[in-house]
N, C-alpha and C. Protein backbone atom coordinates (compact mmCIF):
# COMPACT_ATOMS: atom_id res chain seq x y z
N SER A 1 -9.10 -9.90 3.41
CA SER A 1 -8.12 -9.52 4.41
C SER A 1 -7.38 -8.27 3.98
N SER A 2 -6.85 -7.56 4.93
CA SER A 2 -6.08 -6.36 4.60
C SER A 2 -4.95 -6.19 5.60
N GLY A 3 -3.90 -5.57 5.11
CA GLY A 3 -2.74 -5.27 5.94
C GLY A 3 -2.25 -3.89 5.59
N ILE A 4 -1.34 -3.40 6.37
CA ILE A 4 -0.79 -2.08 6.08
C ILE A 4 0.71 -2.13 6.30
N ASN A 5 1.43 -1.40 5.46
CA ASN A 5 2.86 -1.22 5.71
C ASN A 5 3.11 0.26 5.66
N ALA A 6 4.14 0.70 6.33
CA ALA A 6 4.32 2.14 6.46
C ALA A 6 5.73 2.49 6.87
N GLU A 7 5.94 3.79 6.88
CA GLU A 7 7.20 4.33 7.34
C GLU A 7 7.37 4.05 8.82
N TYR A 8 8.51 4.39 9.32
CA TYR A 8 8.86 4.16 10.71
C TYR A 8 8.44 5.33 11.58
N GLY A 9 8.06 5.04 12.79
CA GLY A 9 7.92 6.01 13.87
C GLY A 9 6.99 7.17 13.61
N GLU A 10 7.54 8.38 13.68
CA GLU A 10 6.73 9.59 13.64
C GLU A 10 5.98 9.72 12.33
N ASP A 11 6.57 9.32 11.19
CA ASP A 11 5.87 9.40 9.92
C ASP A 11 4.61 8.55 9.96
N PHE A 12 4.73 7.34 10.50
CA PHE A 12 3.58 6.45 10.61
C PHE A 12 2.51 7.08 11.50
N GLU A 13 2.92 7.58 12.63
CA GLU A 13 1.97 8.20 13.56
C GLU A 13 1.27 9.39 12.92
N LEU A 14 2.02 10.22 12.22
CA LEU A 14 1.45 11.39 11.58
C LEU A 14 0.45 10.99 10.50
N LYS A 15 0.82 10.04 9.66
CA LYS A 15 -0.04 9.63 8.55
C LYS A 15 -1.28 8.87 9.00
N THR A 16 -1.24 8.25 10.17
CA THR A 16 -2.37 7.42 10.60
C THR A 16 -3.21 8.05 11.71
N ARG A 17 -2.79 9.17 12.20
CA ARG A 17 -3.46 9.80 13.35
C ARG A 17 -4.97 9.93 13.14
N ASN A 18 -5.39 10.33 11.96
CA ASN A 18 -6.81 10.56 11.70
C ASN A 18 -7.50 9.35 11.06
N HIS A 19 -6.85 8.21 11.08
CA HIS A 19 -7.39 7.03 10.41
C HIS A 19 -7.41 5.81 11.33
N GLN A 20 -7.64 6.03 12.61
CA GLN A 20 -7.59 4.93 13.57
C GLN A 20 -8.69 3.89 13.33
N GLU A 21 -9.86 4.32 12.88
CA GLU A 21 -10.94 3.37 12.61
C GLU A 21 -10.52 2.42 11.47
N LEU A 22 -9.90 2.95 10.45
CA LEU A 22 -9.42 2.12 9.34
C LEU A 22 -8.33 1.16 9.83
N LEU A 23 -7.42 1.65 10.64
CA LEU A 23 -6.33 0.80 11.15
C LEU A 23 -6.86 -0.37 11.98
N ARG A 24 -7.92 -0.15 12.72
CA ARG A 24 -8.49 -1.22 13.53
C ARG A 24 -9.03 -2.36 12.68
N GLN A 25 -9.30 -2.09 11.42
CA GLN A 25 -9.81 -3.12 10.51
C GLN A 25 -8.69 -3.92 9.85
N MET A 26 -7.46 -3.50 10.03
CA MET A 26 -6.33 -4.18 9.41
C MET A 26 -5.94 -5.42 10.20
N GLU A 27 -5.60 -6.45 9.49
CA GLU A 27 -5.19 -7.71 10.10
C GLU A 27 -3.82 -7.58 10.76
N PHE A 28 -2.97 -6.73 10.21
CA PHE A 28 -1.60 -6.57 10.74
C PHE A 28 -1.00 -5.28 10.21
N THR A 29 0.16 -4.93 10.75
CA THR A 29 0.94 -3.77 10.29
C THR A 29 2.37 -4.22 10.08
N VAL A 30 2.95 -3.79 8.97
CA VAL A 30 4.37 -4.01 8.71
C VAL A 30 4.99 -2.63 8.53
N LYS A 31 5.97 -2.31 9.36
CA LYS A 31 6.66 -1.02 9.27
C LYS A 31 8.06 -1.24 8.71
N SER A 32 8.65 -0.16 8.26
CA SER A 32 9.97 -0.25 7.61
C SER A 32 11.07 -0.72 8.57
N ASP A 33 10.82 -0.65 9.88
CA ASP A 33 11.84 -1.12 10.83
C ASP A 33 11.64 -2.59 11.21
N ASP A 34 10.71 -3.28 10.55
CA ASP A 34 10.47 -4.70 10.79
C ASP A 34 11.74 -5.48 10.42
N PRO A 35 12.18 -6.42 11.24
CA PRO A 35 13.42 -7.16 10.97
C PRO A 35 13.40 -7.94 9.65
N GLU A 36 12.22 -8.30 9.15
CA GLU A 36 12.16 -9.03 7.88
C GLU A 36 12.29 -8.10 6.67
N VAL A 37 12.14 -6.80 6.89
CA VAL A 37 12.26 -5.83 5.79
C VAL A 37 13.73 -5.42 5.72
N ARG A 38 14.44 -6.04 4.81
CA ARG A 38 15.90 -5.82 4.72
C ARG A 38 16.27 -4.53 3.98
N HIS A 39 15.44 -4.15 3.00
CA HIS A 39 15.74 -2.96 2.19
C HIS A 39 14.49 -2.10 2.09
N GLY A 40 14.68 -0.81 2.14
CA GLY A 40 13.56 0.11 2.03
C GLY A 40 13.10 0.31 0.60
N LYS A 41 11.98 1.00 0.46
CA LYS A 41 11.46 1.33 -0.85
C LYS A 41 12.50 2.17 -1.59
N PRO A 42 12.71 1.96 -2.87
CA PRO A 42 11.86 1.29 -3.84
C PRO A 42 12.05 -0.23 -3.95
N ASN A 43 12.81 -0.84 -3.05
CA ASN A 43 12.90 -2.29 -3.03
C ASN A 43 11.54 -2.84 -2.58
N PRO A 44 11.10 -3.97 -3.10
CA PRO A 44 9.77 -4.48 -2.77
C PRO A 44 9.64 -5.22 -1.44
N ASP A 45 10.71 -5.29 -0.64
CA ASP A 45 10.69 -6.09 0.59
C ASP A 45 9.44 -5.89 1.45
N ILE A 46 9.09 -4.65 1.74
CA ILE A 46 8.00 -4.39 2.68
C ILE A 46 6.68 -4.98 2.18
N PHE A 47 6.44 -4.92 0.87
CA PHE A 47 5.20 -5.46 0.31
C PHE A 47 5.22 -6.99 0.29
N LEU A 48 6.37 -7.57 0.01
CA LEU A 48 6.47 -9.03 0.00
C LEU A 48 6.35 -9.61 1.41
N VAL A 49 6.92 -8.90 2.39
CA VAL A 49 6.76 -9.33 3.79
C VAL A 49 5.28 -9.26 4.17
N ALA A 50 4.62 -8.17 3.81
CA ALA A 50 3.20 -8.02 4.13
C ALA A 50 2.38 -9.13 3.48
N MET A 51 2.68 -9.45 2.24
CA MET A 51 1.94 -10.50 1.55
C MET A 51 2.03 -11.83 2.30
N GLY A 52 3.18 -12.11 2.88
CA GLY A 52 3.37 -13.35 3.60
C GLY A 52 2.74 -13.40 4.98
N ARG A 53 2.21 -12.27 5.46
CA ARG A 53 1.65 -12.22 6.81
C ARG A 53 0.14 -12.45 6.87
N PHE A 54 -0.52 -12.49 5.75
CA PHE A 54 -1.95 -12.74 5.77
C PHE A 54 -2.23 -14.13 6.32
N ARG A 55 -3.31 -14.28 7.07
CA ARG A 55 -3.71 -15.61 7.55
C ARG A 55 -3.84 -16.57 6.37
N GLU A 56 -4.41 -16.08 5.29
CA GLU A 56 -4.50 -16.83 4.04
C GLU A 56 -3.76 -16.02 2.99
N PRO A 57 -2.46 -16.28 2.82
CA PRO A 57 -1.67 -15.47 1.88
C PRO A 57 -2.24 -15.51 0.47
N PRO A 58 -2.18 -14.40 -0.25
CA PRO A 58 -2.64 -14.36 -1.63
C PRO A 58 -1.88 -15.39 -2.48
N ALA A 59 -2.54 -15.88 -3.52
CA ALA A 59 -1.94 -16.89 -4.39
C ALA A 59 -0.71 -16.35 -5.11
N SER A 60 -0.71 -15.05 -5.40
CA SER A 60 0.42 -14.44 -6.10
C SER A 60 0.42 -12.94 -5.83
N PRO A 61 1.53 -12.26 -6.10
CA PRO A 61 1.57 -10.81 -5.89
C PRO A 61 0.51 -10.06 -6.70
N GLU A 62 0.15 -10.60 -7.87
CA GLU A 62 -0.86 -9.93 -8.70
C GLU A 62 -2.22 -9.83 -7.99
N CYS A 63 -2.41 -10.64 -6.95
CA CYS A 63 -3.66 -10.63 -6.19
C CYS A 63 -3.66 -9.55 -5.11
N CYS A 64 -2.59 -8.79 -5.00
CA CYS A 64 -2.46 -7.74 -3.98
C CYS A 64 -2.67 -6.37 -4.62
N LEU A 65 -3.30 -5.49 -3.89
CA LEU A 65 -3.51 -4.12 -4.35
C LEU A 65 -2.87 -3.18 -3.33
N VAL A 66 -1.98 -2.35 -3.80
CA VAL A 66 -1.23 -1.41 -2.96
C VAL A 66 -1.77 0.00 -3.18
N PHE A 67 -1.91 0.75 -2.10
CA PHE A 67 -2.25 2.17 -2.19
C PHE A 67 -1.00 2.93 -1.77
N GLU A 68 -0.57 3.86 -2.61
CA GLU A 68 0.68 4.58 -2.36
C GLU A 68 0.52 6.06 -2.63
N ASP A 69 1.32 6.86 -1.93
CA ASP A 69 1.33 8.30 -2.17
C ASP A 69 2.67 8.79 -2.70
N ALA A 70 3.66 7.90 -2.75
CA ALA A 70 5.01 8.32 -3.12
C ALA A 70 5.56 7.49 -4.29
N PRO A 71 6.36 8.13 -5.15
CA PRO A 71 6.94 7.42 -6.29
C PRO A 71 7.75 6.18 -5.89
N ASN A 72 8.54 6.25 -4.80
CA ASN A 72 9.31 5.07 -4.38
C ASN A 72 8.40 3.92 -3.99
N GLY A 73 7.26 4.22 -3.39
CA GLY A 73 6.31 3.19 -3.02
C GLY A 73 5.67 2.54 -4.23
N VAL A 74 5.34 3.35 -5.24
CA VAL A 74 4.77 2.81 -6.48
C VAL A 74 5.81 1.90 -7.15
N GLU A 75 7.06 2.36 -7.19
CA GLU A 75 8.13 1.55 -7.78
C GLU A 75 8.30 0.23 -7.02
N ALA A 76 8.20 0.28 -5.69
CA ALA A 76 8.32 -0.94 -4.88
C ALA A 76 7.17 -1.89 -5.14
N ALA A 77 5.96 -1.37 -5.24
CA ALA A 77 4.79 -2.21 -5.52
C ALA A 77 4.93 -2.89 -6.87
N ARG A 78 5.35 -2.14 -7.87
CA ARG A 78 5.51 -2.70 -9.21
C ARG A 78 6.64 -3.74 -9.23
N ALA A 79 7.71 -3.47 -8.49
CA ALA A 79 8.82 -4.43 -8.41
C ALA A 79 8.37 -5.72 -7.73
N ALA A 80 7.39 -5.62 -6.83
CA ALA A 80 6.85 -6.80 -6.15
C ALA A 80 5.87 -7.56 -7.04
N GLY A 81 5.48 -6.95 -8.17
CA GLY A 81 4.51 -7.57 -9.06
C GLY A 81 3.07 -7.34 -8.64
N MET A 82 2.85 -6.29 -7.83
CA MET A 82 1.52 -5.99 -7.31
C MET A 82 0.90 -4.83 -8.07
N ARG A 83 -0.42 -4.80 -8.06
CA ARG A 83 -1.13 -3.68 -8.68
C ARG A 83 -1.11 -2.51 -7.71
N CYS A 84 -1.17 -1.30 -8.26
CA CYS A 84 -0.98 -0.13 -7.41
C CYS A 84 -1.92 1.01 -7.78
N VAL A 85 -2.52 1.59 -6.74
CA VAL A 85 -3.32 2.80 -6.86
C VAL A 85 -2.50 3.90 -6.21
N MET A 86 -2.22 4.94 -6.97
CA MET A 86 -1.44 6.05 -6.42
C MET A 86 -2.37 7.24 -6.14
N VAL A 87 -2.20 7.82 -4.95
CA VAL A 87 -2.89 9.05 -4.57
C VAL A 87 -1.79 10.03 -4.18
N PRO A 88 -1.20 10.71 -5.19
CA PRO A 88 -0.03 11.54 -4.92
C PRO A 88 -0.37 12.90 -4.33
N ASP A 89 0.64 13.48 -3.73
CA ASP A 89 0.57 14.86 -3.31
C ASP A 89 0.34 15.67 -4.59
N PRO A 90 -0.61 16.60 -4.59
CA PRO A 90 -0.90 17.36 -5.82
C PRO A 90 0.28 18.19 -6.34
N ARG A 91 1.27 18.42 -5.49
CA ARG A 91 2.44 19.20 -5.93
C ARG A 91 3.47 18.35 -6.66
N LEU A 92 3.28 17.03 -6.66
CA LEU A 92 4.21 16.11 -7.30
C LEU A 92 4.05 16.23 -8.81
N GLU A 93 5.16 16.45 -9.51
CA GLU A 93 5.08 16.69 -10.95
C GLU A 93 5.30 15.44 -11.78
N ASP A 94 6.36 14.70 -11.54
CA ASP A 94 6.68 13.52 -12.35
C ASP A 94 6.09 12.29 -11.69
N LEU A 95 4.95 11.85 -12.19
CA LEU A 95 4.27 10.71 -11.59
C LEU A 95 4.75 9.41 -12.22
N PRO A 96 5.01 8.42 -11.40
CA PRO A 96 5.44 7.12 -11.94
C PRO A 96 4.25 6.39 -12.55
N LYS A 97 4.55 5.36 -13.33
CA LYS A 97 3.49 4.54 -13.92
C LYS A 97 2.83 3.72 -12.81
N SER A 98 1.52 3.89 -12.71
CA SER A 98 0.73 3.17 -11.71
C SER A 98 -0.52 2.67 -12.41
N ASP A 99 -1.18 1.66 -11.86
CA ASP A 99 -2.41 1.16 -12.48
C ASP A 99 -3.47 2.25 -12.55
N VAL A 100 -3.57 3.02 -11.48
CA VAL A 100 -4.54 4.12 -11.40
C VAL A 100 -3.91 5.24 -10.59
N ILE A 101 -4.15 6.47 -11.02
CA ILE A 101 -3.72 7.64 -10.24
C ILE A 101 -4.98 8.44 -9.92
N LEU A 102 -5.20 8.65 -8.63
CA LEU A 102 -6.39 9.35 -8.15
C LEU A 102 -6.01 10.63 -7.44
N LYS A 103 -6.91 11.59 -7.43
CA LYS A 103 -6.70 12.82 -6.66
C LYS A 103 -7.05 12.61 -5.20
N SER A 104 -7.94 11.64 -4.92
CA SER A 104 -8.39 11.37 -3.57
C SER A 104 -8.80 9.91 -3.47
N LEU A 105 -8.67 9.31 -2.28
CA LEU A 105 -9.15 7.95 -2.08
C LEU A 105 -10.66 7.85 -2.28
N GLU A 106 -11.35 8.97 -2.14
CA GLU A 106 -12.79 8.97 -2.36
C GLU A 106 -13.14 8.62 -3.80
N GLU A 107 -12.20 8.76 -4.73
CA GLU A 107 -12.41 8.42 -6.13
C GLU A 107 -12.23 6.93 -6.40
N PHE A 108 -11.70 6.18 -5.44
CA PHE A 108 -11.40 4.77 -5.66
C PHE A 108 -12.67 3.97 -5.93
N ASN A 109 -12.63 3.20 -7.01
CA ASN A 109 -13.74 2.32 -7.37
C ASN A 109 -13.24 0.88 -7.29
N PRO A 110 -13.61 0.15 -6.23
CA PRO A 110 -13.08 -1.20 -6.05
C PRO A 110 -13.45 -2.15 -7.18
N THR A 111 -14.57 -1.91 -7.86
CA THR A 111 -14.99 -2.82 -8.92
C THR A 111 -14.01 -2.83 -10.09
N GLU A 112 -13.22 -1.75 -10.25
CA GLU A 112 -12.20 -1.71 -11.31
C GLU A 112 -11.12 -2.75 -11.08
N PHE A 113 -11.03 -3.26 -9.86
CA PHE A 113 -10.00 -4.25 -9.51
C PHE A 113 -10.64 -5.59 -9.14
N GLY A 114 -11.88 -5.78 -9.52
CA GLY A 114 -12.55 -7.05 -9.24
C GLY A 114 -12.97 -7.21 -7.80
N LEU A 115 -13.04 -6.12 -7.06
CA LEU A 115 -13.44 -6.14 -5.65
C LEU A 115 -14.90 -5.76 -5.53
N PRO A 116 -15.55 -6.13 -4.43
CA PRO A 116 -16.96 -5.74 -4.26
C PRO A 116 -17.13 -4.23 -4.19
N ALA A 117 -18.24 -3.76 -4.70
CA ALA A 117 -18.55 -2.32 -4.65
C ALA A 117 -18.77 -1.90 -3.20
N PHE A 118 -18.54 -0.61 -2.92
CA PHE A 118 -18.83 -0.08 -1.60
C PHE A 118 -20.34 -0.09 -1.38
N ASP A 119 -20.74 -0.24 -0.13
CA ASP A 119 -22.18 -0.23 0.20
C ASP A 119 -22.74 1.16 0.06
């Protein structure tokens, strides 16, 4: 299963405009304006809310994998106890501690996280 959480409004629309096929595969969406999300990143609320929305919720936060592009998001994922793959803006200088830092999502290897390999 997969879910997505994101910024509110125009930021979400801008970031997802070219990824509609991927979004259609998501079980749900949690945005920062969701009433259950009490605090924004770097607080872990958005990730913990998302974890609870799966039809079959993960056994623990460690079973969740977060993809992030921003330091506050990485901090929120780590505060939630989740593993995190960061794909930062190349102009970002001080990168937070993340499980993996990639230049592009094309570099992602799911087998490094115990997931099935891409076809």
